Amino acid sequence: MKKIRIDVELKKQISNELNISLQSVRMSLEYVFNSDNAKKVRKMAKELLIKEAENIKI
């Protein structure tokens, strides 16, 4: 099953920035939706995950 897993804080951030519901964010990340907004959600989620990963110090 295709799914992008991110923390609820990041989901809220995406929801607020794109002015869409948390349910829309969740369904976009689960690939239920494939609209332009859903693609924006997935792109934003990827960018936020990369940003989080860059903060990890090894």
Protein backbone atom coordinates (compact mmCIF):
# COMPACT_ATOMS: atom_id res chain seq x y z
CA MET A 1 0.00 0.00 0.00
CA LYS A 2 1.36 3.37 -1.03
CA LYS A 3 1.41 5.90 1.81
CA ILE A 4 3.54 8.80 3.02
CA ARG A 5 3.92 8.72 6.80
CA ILE A 6 4.57 12.01 8.57
CA ASP A 7 4.02 13.37 12.06
CA VAL A 8 0.70 14.98 12.89
CA GLU A 9 2.45 18.34 13.45
CA LEU A 10 3.60 18.32 9.83
CA LYS A 11 0.10 17.36 8.68
CA LYS A 12 -1.30 20.34 10.58
CA GLN A 13 1.33 22.61 9.04
CA ILE A 14 0.41 21.44 5.53
CA SER A 15 -3.28 21.82 6.33
CA ASN A 16 -2.80 25.40 7.52
CA GLU A 17 -0.49 26.46 4.68
CA LEU A 18 -2.71 25.03 1.93
CA ASN A 19 -5.94 25.95 3.73
CA ILE A 20 -7.38 22.44 3.49
CA SER A 21 -8.74 20.01 6.07
CA LEU A 22 -6.61 17.48 7.94
CA GLN A 23 -8.73 14.76 6.39
CA SER A 24 -7.81 16.00 2.91
CA VAL A 25 -4.14 15.98 3.89
CA ARG A 26 -4.43 12.42 5.25
CA MET A 27 -6.27 11.13 2.20
CA SER A 28 -3.77 12.82 -0.11
CA LEU A 29 -0.87 11.18 1.73
CA GLU A 30 -2.64 7.83 1.40
CA TYR A 31 -3.04 8.41 -2.37
CA VAL A 32 -6.84 8.30 -2.15
CA PHE A 33 -6.93 11.73 -3.79
CA ASN A 34 -4.91 12.59 -6.88
CA SER A 35 -5.97 16.18 -7.52
CA ASP A 36 -3.62 19.13 -7.95
CA ASN A 37 -4.01 19.86 -4.23
CA ALA A 38 -3.16 16.25 -3.37
CA LYS A 39 0.00 16.50 -5.44
CA LYS A 40 0.91 19.73 -3.62
CA VAL A 41 0.36 17.97 -0.27
CA ARG A 42 2.66 15.10 -1.23
CA LYS A 43 5.33 17.45 -2.58
CA MET A 44 5.18 19.56 0.58
CA ALA A 45 5.35 16.44 2.77
CA LYS A 46 8.47 15.29 0.93
CA GLU A 47 10.12 18.69 1.32
CA LEU A 48 9.31 18.79 5.04
CA LEU A 49 10.65 15.25 5.55
CA ILE A 50 13.89 16.15 3.78
CA LYS A 51 14.20 19.27 5.95
CA GLU A 52 13.65 17.16 9.09
CA ALA A 53 16.24 14.62 7.94
CA GLU A 54 18.82 17.36 7.38
CA ASN A 55 18.48 18.35 11.04
CA ILE A 56 19.72 14.92 12.17
CA LYS A 57 23.31 15.08 13.39
CA ILE A 58 25.36 11.89 13.28
